[in-house]
Amino acid sequence: MLAISAMLTAYYMTRLYLLVFFGESRLSQKEKAHLHESPWIMTLPLGILGIASLAGGWFGAPVALEHGHETGALNVSEGVIMGVSVLIALAGAFVAHRKYSGTIQGESPRDPFKVDAFYLSFFGKGTRRVSAFFGRVIEDGFFGRMMQFSGAAVDLGGNLLRTLQTGSAQGYLLMMVLAVAALMCWVFLGVH
């Protein structure tokens, strides 16, 4: 899985590089007039991060794979793993270059391995289907019914309380006397 991920990453990064730096621009003339370089406050940290990444990858590989070796030198299996990883990444970059270098001259990109079609059908349509299922079952089914139930409960409680709110002073006085009598029974008689 890691080897496939490395190959796909190299493939898509090469595709991105070719389309961004050598492909035809999709900007209008008005948008092109507003293009400018980023200020130094953005480019300086990016440059430092780029140099640190390159140095960490170049000089840090033996240290990262050391696993307790005193010399810090790579053993044969670690060197083979690194070499195979580089070859897999180069293969992905080569396939992307062969496929998308025609786009630079204005040709339409080809999809011989049907990667784009697979991605759209599996992830695009699949995501829509999963979203529709969860929308129908979870949102409308569970949460929708829960909201209807809570609304009905509030409505029922309001209707019950409305019967107590008559506007009659005698009725309010009777409820207060009954409440005080119930409280006195509870306190003095020990009715629990």
Protein backbone atom coordinates (compact mmCIF):
# COMPACT_ATOMS: atom_id res chain seq x y z
CA MET A 1 0.00 0.00 0.00
CA LEU A 2 2.85 2.37 0.77
CA ALA A 3 4.49 1.63 -2.58
CA ILE A 4 1.21 2.31 -4.42
CA SER A 5 0.78 5.53 -2.43
CA ALA A 6 4.32 6.61 -3.34
CA MET A 7 3.68 5.92 -7.02
CA LEU A 8 0.34 7.78 -7.03
CA THR A 9 1.86 10.73 -5.17
CA ALA A 10 4.68 11.00 -7.71
CA TYR A 11 2.15 10.64 -10.54
CA TYR A 12 -0.15 13.41 -9.35
CA MET A 13 2.65 15.74 -8.31
CA THR A 14 4.27 15.40 -11.75
CA ARG A 15 0.88 16.02 -13.36
CA LEU A 16 0.42 19.10 -11.17
CA TYR A 17 3.90 20.39 -12.03
CA LEU A 18 3.37 19.92 -15.78
CA LEU A 19 -0.07 21.52 -15.86
CA VAL A 20 0.85 24.45 -13.62
CA PHE A 21 4.22 25.39 -15.09
CA PHE A 22 3.96 24.19 -18.70
CA GLY A 23 0.22 24.00 -19.38
CA GLU A 24 -1.95 26.67 -20.92
CA SER A 25 -3.21 29.36 -18.57
CA ARG A 26 -6.91 29.42 -17.80
CA LEU A 27 -6.87 33.00 -16.50
CA SER A 28 -8.58 35.85 -18.25
CA GLN A 29 -6.63 38.96 -19.25
CA LYS A 30 -8.17 40.86 -16.32
CA GLU A 31 -7.00 38.18 -13.87
CA LYS A 32 -3.52 38.08 -15.44
CA ALA A 33 -3.16 41.82 -14.87
CA HIS A 34 -3.51 41.32 -11.11
CA LEU A 35 -0.88 38.56 -10.77
CA HIS A 36 2.10 39.39 -8.56
CA GLU A 37 4.80 37.63 -6.58
CA SER A 38 4.10 36.84 -2.94
CA PRO A 39 5.65 39.25 -0.42
CA TRP A 40 8.86 38.27 1.38
CA ILE A 41 6.92 37.61 4.59
CA MET A 42 5.46 34.55 2.83
CA THR A 43 8.33 33.47 0.58
CA LEU A 44 11.03 33.56 3.28
CA PRO A 45 9.39 30.97 5.60
CA LEU A 46 8.54 28.79 2.59
CA GLY A 47 12.15 28.92 1.44
CA ILE A 48 13.41 28.00 4.92
CA LEU A 49 10.93 25.11 5.11
CA GLY A 50 11.96 23.91 1.65
CA ILE A 51 15.65 23.91 2.51
CA ALA A 52 14.97 22.20 5.86
CA SER A 53 12.85 19.53 4.13
CA LEU A 54 15.55 18.86 1.56
CA ALA A 55 18.26 18.71 4.22
CA GLY A 56 16.14 16.51 6.49
CA GLY A 57 15.37 14.09 3.70
CA TRP A 58 18.90 14.00 2.37
CA PHE A 59 20.94 13.92 5.57
CA GLY A 60 18.34 12.49 7.94
CA ALA A 61 17.67 9.22 6.05
CA PRO A 62 20.53 7.20 7.63
CA VAL A 63 19.67 8.57 11.08
CA ALA A 64 15.96 7.80 10.70
CA LEU A 65 16.68 4.23 9.57
CA GLU A 66 19.50 3.71 12.05
CA HIS A 67 17.55 1.61 14.60
CA GLY A 68 20.41 1.57 17.07
CA HIS A 69 23.35 1.19 14.66
CA GLU A 70 26.44 2.81 16.08
CA THR A 71 27.88 3.86 12.73
CA GLY A 72 24.69 5.33 11.28
CA ALA A 73 25.35 3.57 7.97
CA LEU A 74 22.52 1.86 6.13
CA ASN A 75 22.47 -1.90 5.99
CA VAL A 76 21.64 -3.71 2.75
CA SER A 77 17.89 -4.18 3.38
CA GLU A 78 17.40 -0.51 4.26
CA GLY A 79 19.26 0.55 1.12
CA VAL A 80 17.11 -1.78 -0.98
CA ILE A 81 13.93 -0.34 0.54
CA MET A 82 15.08 3.21 -0.21
CA GLY A 83 16.14 2.30 -3.75
CA VAL A 84 12.86 0.53 -4.54
CA SER A 85 10.90 3.50 -3.17
CA VAL A 86 12.79 5.89 -5.42
CA LEU A 87 12.29 3.63 -8.46
CA ILE A 88 8.54 3.37 -7.77
CA ALA A 89 8.27 7.16 -7.45
CA LEU A 90 10.25 7.63 -10.68
CA ALA A 91 7.93 5.17 -12.46
CA GLY A 92 4.88 7.16 -11.34
CA ALA A 93 6.49 10.42 -12.48
CA PHE A 94 7.44 8.85 -15.84
CA VAL A 95 3.87 7.64 -16.49
CA ALA A 96 2.47 11.07 -15.62
CA HIS A 97 5.01 12.80 -17.86
CA ARG A 98 4.14 10.51 -20.78
CA LYS A 99 0.44 11.08 -20.27
CA TYR A 100 0.33 14.82 -19.61
CA SER A 101 3.20 16.10 -21.71
CA GLY A 102 0.76 16.08 -24.68
CA THR A 103 -1.45 18.49 -22.76
CA ILE A 104 1.29 21.10 -22.97
CA GLN A 105 0.90 21.34 -26.76
CA GLY A 106 -2.86 21.76 -26.40
CA GLU A 107 -3.92 18.13 -26.82
CA SER A 108 -6.66 16.83 -24.59
CA PRO A 109 -5.37 14.67 -21.74
CA ARG A 110 -5.82 10.95 -22.18
CA ASP A 111 -7.03 8.55 -19.52
CA PRO A 112 -5.76 5.14 -20.68
CA PHE A 113 -5.89 3.57 -17.23
CA LYS A 114 -9.36 5.03 -16.53
CA VAL A 115 -8.13 6.45 -13.22
CA ASP A 116 -10.28 9.57 -13.51
CA ALA A 117 -13.36 7.59 -14.52
CA PHE A 118 -12.85 5.14 -11.64
CA TYR A 119 -12.35 7.97 -9.16
CA LEU A 120 -15.52 9.76 -10.29
CA SER A 121 -17.65 6.63 -10.31
CA PHE A 122 -16.34 5.18 -7.04
CA PHE A 123 -15.75 8.26 -4.92
CA GLY A 124 -17.96 10.83 -6.70
CA LYS A 125 -21.11 8.78 -7.18
CA GLY A 126 -20.38 6.63 -4.14
CA THR A 127 -20.08 9.67 -1.91
CA ARG A 128 -23.36 11.04 -3.27
CA ARG A 129 -25.09 7.70 -2.61
CA VAL A 130 -23.73 7.47 0.93
CA SER A 131 -24.72 11.09 1.58
CA ALA A 132 -28.23 10.48 0.22
CA PHE A 133 -28.56 7.35 2.40
CA PHE A 134 -27.48 9.18 5.56
CA GLY A 135 -29.67 12.15 4.66
CA ARG A 136 -32.68 9.91 4.21
CA VAL A 137 -32.14 7.49 7.11
CA ILE A 138 -30.29 9.53 9.74
CA GLU A 139 -31.31 13.12 9.09
CA ASP A 140 -34.88 12.70 7.89
CA GLY A 141 -35.61 9.40 9.63
CA PHE A 142 -34.02 9.71 13.06
CA PHE A 143 -33.44 13.42 13.64
CA GLY A 144 -36.56 14.47 11.73
CA ARG A 145 -38.76 12.21 13.84
CA MET A 146 -36.97 13.32 16.99
CA MET A 147 -37.71 16.96 16.14
CA GLN A 148 -41.35 16.11 15.40
CA PHE A 149 -41.62 14.25 18.73
CA SER A 150 -40.06 17.10 20.71
CA GLY A 151 -42.35 19.59 18.96
CA ALA A 152 -45.39 17.43 19.77
CA ALA A 153 -44.26 17.12 23.40
CA VAL A 154 -43.90 20.89 23.76
CA ASP A 155 -47.30 21.35 22.11
CA LEU A 156 -48.93 18.85 24.48
CA GLY A 157 -47.27 20.44 27.53
CA GLY A 158 -48.45 23.87 26.40
CA ASN A 159 -52.00 22.63 25.95
CA LEU A 160 -51.97 21.06 29.44
CA LEU A 161 -50.61 24.22 31.05
CA ARG A 162 -53.12 26.32 29.14
CA THR A 163 -55.96 24.60 31.02
CA LEU A 164 -54.43 25.81 34.29
CA GLN A 165 -54.15 29.39 33.06
CA THR A 166 -57.78 30.47 33.28
CA GLY A 167 -57.34 34.10 34.29
CA SER A 168 -59.62 33.56 37.31
CA ALA A 169 -58.23 34.82 40.64
CA GLN A 170 -60.39 32.32 42.54
CA GLY A 171 -58.88 29.43 40.54
CA TYR A 172 -55.33 30.63 41.21
CA LEU A 173 -56.14 30.99 44.94
CA LEU A 174 -57.56 27.44 45.03
CA MET A 175 -54.38 26.04 43.35
CA MET A 176 -52.20 27.92 45.85
CA VAL A 177 -54.18 26.59 48.87
CA LEU A 178 -53.98 23.03 47.50
CA ALA A 179 -50.24 23.36 46.94
CA VAL A 180 -49.65 24.69 50.49
CA ALA A 181 -51.79 21.88 51.94
CA ALA A 182 -49.82 19.26 49.99
CA LEU A 183 -46.56 20.79 51.19
CA MET A 184 -47.72 20.80 54.83
CA CYS A 185 -48.79 17.15 54.57
CA TRP A 186 -45.40 16.26 53.16
CA VAL A 187 -43.49 18.13 55.90
CA PHE A 188 -45.59 17.37 58.99
CA LEU A 189 -46.97 13.93 58.24
CA GLY A 190 -43.79 12.62 56.67
CA VAL A 191 -45.59 11.45 53.55
CA HIS A 192 -42.88 10.63 51.04
